[in-house]
Amino acid sequence: MKLSAEITMYPLQDDYLPAIVAIIDKLNAYEGLIIETFPSTTLIVGDYDQVMTALGDAMKWSVEACGKAAFVTKFLPDTELLSE
């Protein structure tokens, strides 16, 4: 099943931009996913399990590498928001 996910990260620190860039770079490293970044959100499209694994790994890595953050996500199963 395909999954479209939208994620926005709110780092809980004053110098927030490096943490946001780092997680976007981490998500872009996953093969087999379509990643599209906009000014306030990032869309991830792909196989359900791959998208969920990438999000879980990237969020865990981000907190360990960059500190605490709030993540807002939206999931749209069985839908492709981006054209492949």
C-alpha atoms as a PDB file:
ATOM      1  CA  MET A   1       0.000   0.000   0.000  1.00  0.00           C
ATOM      2  CA  LYS A   2       1.209   3.521  -0.767  1.00  0.00           C
ATOM      3  CA  LEU A   3       1.409   6.179   1.921  1.00  0.00           C
ATOM      4  CA  SER A   4       1.696   9.938   1.694  1.00  0.00           C
ATOM      5  CA  ALA A   5       2.976  11.592   4.859  1.00  0.00           C
ATOM      6  CA  GLU A   6       3.514  15.225   5.678  1.00  0.00           C
ATOM      7  CA  ILE A   7       5.894  16.172   8.488  1.00  0.00           C
ATOM      8  CA  THR A   8       6.767  19.477  10.102  1.00  0.00           C
ATOM      9  CA  MET A   9       9.491  19.714  12.724  1.00  0.00           C
ATOM     10  CA  TYR A  10       9.612  22.339  15.475  1.00  0.00           C
ATOM     11  CA  PRO A  11      13.009  22.119  17.217  1.00  0.00           C
ATOM     12  CA  LEU A  12      12.829  23.231  20.831  1.00  0.00           C
ATOM     13  CA  GLN A  13      15.910  25.441  20.640  1.00  0.00           C
ATOM     14  CA  ASP A  14      16.812  28.929  19.489  1.00  0.00           C
ATOM     15  CA  ASP A  15      19.120  27.817  16.664  1.00  0.00           C
ATOM     16  CA  TYR A  16      16.444  25.712  14.942  1.00  0.00           C
ATOM     17  CA  LEU A  17      17.404  25.854  11.251  1.00  0.00           C
ATOM     18  CA  PRO A  18      20.377  23.397  11.361  1.00  0.00           C
ATOM     19  CA  ALA A  19      18.166  20.739  12.988  1.00  0.00           C
ATOM     20  CA  ILE A  20      15.485  21.141  10.301  1.00  0.00           C
ATOM     21  CA  VAL A  21      18.038  20.943   7.479  1.00  0.00           C
ATOM     22  CA  ALA A  22      19.605  17.868   9.095  1.00  0.00           C
ATOM     23  CA  ILE A  23      16.368  15.866   9.254  1.00  0.00           C
ATOM     24  CA  ILE A  24      15.469  16.821   5.684  1.00  0.00           C
ATOM     25  CA  ASP A  25      18.900  15.607   4.569  1.00  0.00           C
ATOM     26  CA  LYS A  26      18.376  12.385   6.543  1.00  0.00           C
ATOM     27  CA  LEU A  27      14.993  11.764   4.873  1.00  0.00           C
ATOM     28  CA  ASN A  28      16.446  12.467   1.421  1.00  0.00           C
ATOM     29  CA  ALA A  29      19.002   9.690   1.983  1.00  0.00           C
ATOM     30  CA  TYR A  30      16.287   6.994   1.925  1.00  0.00           C
ATOM     31  CA  GLU A  31      16.034   5.244  -1.425  1.00  0.00           C
ATOM     32  CA  GLY A  32      12.690   4.327  -2.931  1.00  0.00           C
ATOM     33  CA  LEU A  33      10.827   7.291  -1.450  1.00  0.00           C
ATOM     34  CA  ILE A  34       9.707  10.513  -3.066  1.00  0.00           C
ATOM     35  CA  ILE A  35      10.621  13.463  -0.842  1.00  0.00           C
ATOM     36  CA  GLU A  36       9.468  16.989  -1.610  1.00  0.00           C
ATOM     37  CA  THR A  37      10.280  19.872   0.710  1.00  0.00           C
ATOM     38  CA  PHE A  38       8.291  23.082   0.982  1.00  0.00           C
ATOM     39  CA  PRO A  39       8.914  26.126   3.221  1.00  0.00           C
ATOM     40  CA  SER A  40       6.845  24.765   6.110  1.00  0.00           C
ATOM     41  CA  THR A  41       6.545  21.006   5.525  1.00  0.00           C
ATOM     42  CA  THR A  42       8.080  17.964   3.871  1.00  0.00           C
ATOM     43  CA  LEU A  43       6.063  15.350   1.963  1.00  0.00           C
ATOM     44  CA  ILE A  44       7.181  11.726   1.868  1.00  0.00           C
ATOM     45  CA  VAL A  45       5.527   9.290  -0.544  1.00  0.00           C
ATOM     46  CA  GLY A  46       6.233   5.603  -0.959  1.00  0.00           C
ATOM     47  CA  ASP A  47       5.496   2.136   0.304  1.00  0.00           C
ATOM     48  CA  TYR A  48       3.707   2.301   3.661  1.00  0.00           C
ATOM     49  CA  ASP A  49       6.343   0.339   5.583  1.00  0.00           C
ATOM     50  CA  GLN A  50       9.236   2.259   4.019  1.00  0.00           C
ATOM     51  CA  VAL A  51       7.680   5.640   4.822  1.00  0.00           C
ATOM     52  CA  MET A  52       6.936   4.666   8.425  1.00  0.00           C
ATOM     53  CA  THR A  53      10.445   3.250   8.901  1.00  0.00           C
ATOM     54  CA  ALA A  54      12.068   6.370   7.441  1.00  0.00           C
ATOM     55  CA  LEU A  55       9.981   8.677   9.634  1.00  0.00           C
ATOM     56  CA  GLY A  56      10.639   6.683  12.790  1.00  0.00           C
ATOM     57  CA  ASP A  57      14.362   6.405  12.152  1.00  0.00           C
ATOM     58  CA  ALA A  58      14.730  10.070  11.151  1.00  0.00           C
ATOM     59  CA  MET A  59      12.788  11.390  14.144  1.00  0.00           C
ATOM     60  CA  LYS A  60      14.744   9.220  16.589  1.00  0.00           C
ATOM     61  CA  TRP A  61      18.050  10.223  14.978  1.00  0.00           C
ATOM     62  CA  SER A  62      17.059  13.898  15.015  1.00  0.00           C
ATOM     63  CA  VAL A  63      16.303  13.958  18.739  1.00  0.00           C
ATOM     64  CA  GLU A  64      19.550  12.116  19.517  1.00  0.00           C
ATOM     65  CA  ALA A  65      21.669  14.339  17.222  1.00  0.00           C
ATOM     66  CA  CYS A  66      19.944  17.726  17.492  1.00  0.00           C
ATOM     67  CA  GLY A  67      17.926  17.730  20.709  1.00  0.00           C
ATOM     68  CA  LYS A  68      14.235  17.760  21.510  1.00  0.00           C
ATOM     69  CA  ALA A  69      11.670  18.733  18.908  1.00  0.00           C
ATOM     70  CA  ALA A  70       7.940  18.616  18.320  1.00  0.00           C
ATOM     71  CA  PHE A  71       6.812  16.829  15.152  1.00  0.00           C
ATOM     72  CA  VAL A  72       3.458  17.376  13.466  1.00  0.00           C
ATOM     73  CA  THR A  73       2.508  14.713  10.935  1.00  0.00           C
ATOM     74  CA  LYS A  74      -0.395  13.917   8.645  1.00  0.00           C
ATOM     75  CA  PHE A  75      -0.862  10.526   7.014  1.00  0.00           C
ATOM     76  CA  LEU A  76      -2.923   9.719   3.949  1.00  0.00           C
ATOM     77  CA  PRO A  77      -2.852   5.944   3.331  1.00  0.00           C
ATOM     78  CA  ASP A  78      -3.368   4.497  -0.126  1.00  0.00           C
ATOM     79  CA  THR A  79      -2.841   7.889  -1.750  1.00  0.00           C
ATOM     80  CA  GLU A  80      -0.063   9.441  -3.798  1.00  0.00           C
ATOM     81  CA  LEU A  81      -0.020  13.207  -3.328  1.00  0.00           C
ATOM     82  CA  LEU A  82       2.975  13.622  -5.636  1.00  0.00           C
ATOM     83  CA  SER A  83       3.270  12.348  -9.155  1.00  0.00           C
ATOM     84  CA  GLU A  84       6.010   9.787  -9.694  1.00  0.00           C
END
